[in-house]
Amino acid sequence: MKNGFVEGGLTSLQRGQKELSMKAIEKKYAKEIAAAEPHEKEKIYQRMAEELARQKSHKPSFGTLW
């Protein structure tokens, strides 16, 4: 197998990272979604989207680089 650059590799990496993050969030909220009424699920999904956005925009502090 050859190693090298792949066209669209960065996009694939970002898509994979988002998918892994979303799976972890879905697992975290699974029990809550299962027990929720249909009108409550929309609020739970909104919290899930907000948590994904927070994870995506997280910047490590300067001290973590050392």
Protein backbone atom coordinates (compact mmCIF):
# COMPACT_ATOMS: atom_id res chain seq x y z
CA MET A 1 0.00 0.00 0.00
CA LYS A 2 1.30 3.42 -0.91
CA ASN A 3 1.22 6.26 1.53
CA GLY A 4 0.52 9.71 0.20
CA PHE A 5 -1.88 12.57 -0.05
CA VAL A 6 -5.49 11.84 -0.76
CA GLU A 7 -7.79 14.22 -2.55
CA GLY A 8 -10.40 15.44 -0.09
CA GLY A 9 -8.50 13.93 2.82
CA LEU A 10 -9.01 16.90 5.15
CA THR A 11 -12.74 16.93 4.45
CA SER A 12 -12.95 13.21 5.15
CA LEU A 13 -11.02 13.63 8.39
CA GLN A 14 -13.30 16.44 9.57
CA ARG A 15 -16.43 14.48 8.63
CA GLY A 16 -15.14 11.44 10.53
CA GLN A 17 -14.29 13.48 13.61
CA LYS A 18 -17.76 15.07 13.58
CA GLU A 19 -19.36 11.64 13.25
CA LEU A 20 -17.39 10.26 16.20
CA SER A 21 -18.30 13.29 18.30
CA MET A 22 -21.97 12.98 17.37
CA LYS A 23 -22.01 9.27 18.24
CA ALA A 24 -20.56 10.04 21.67
CA ILE A 25 -23.16 12.75 22.25
CA GLU A 26 -25.99 10.47 21.09
CA LYS A 27 -24.78 7.77 23.48
CA LYS A 28 -24.71 10.30 26.33
CA TYR A 29 -28.31 11.41 25.70
CA ALA A 30 -29.75 8.01 24.65
CA LYS A 31 -31.58 7.26 27.91
CA GLU A 32 -32.97 10.78 28.11
CA ILE A 33 -34.28 10.59 24.52
CA ALA A 34 -35.83 7.17 25.11
CA ALA A 35 -37.71 8.40 28.18
CA ALA A 36 -38.77 11.76 26.69
CA GLU A 37 -42.15 12.65 25.31
CA PRO A 38 -42.26 13.64 21.63
CA HIS A 39 -42.52 17.37 22.42
CA GLU A 40 -39.48 17.16 24.75
CA LYS A 41 -37.23 15.49 22.19
CA GLU A 42 -36.81 18.70 20.19
CA LYS A 43 -35.26 20.41 23.22
CA ILE A 44 -32.91 17.47 23.79
CA TYR A 45 -31.79 17.49 20.15
CA GLN A 46 -31.16 21.24 20.42
CA ARG A 47 -28.94 20.66 23.49
CA MET A 48 -27.09 17.97 21.56
CA ALA A 49 -26.45 20.37 18.67
CA GLU A 50 -25.24 23.05 21.10
CA GLU A 51 -22.86 20.58 22.75
CA LEU A 52 -21.45 19.57 19.35
CA ALA A 53 -20.93 23.26 18.49
CA ARG A 54 -19.14 23.83 21.81
CA GLN A 55 -16.83 20.88 21.18
CA LYS A 56 -16.14 22.10 17.66
CA SER A 57 -15.26 25.64 18.75
CA HIS A 58 -13.18 24.60 21.77
CA LYS A 59 -9.70 26.10 21.78
CA PRO A 60 -7.11 24.63 24.15
CA SER A 61 -5.53 27.02 26.62
CA PHE A 62 -2.00 28.25 26.07
CA GLY A 63 -0.75 26.23 29.02
CA THR A 64 -1.70 22.91 27.38
CA LEU A 65 0.96 23.39 24.75
CA TRP A 66 3.78 22.95 27.24
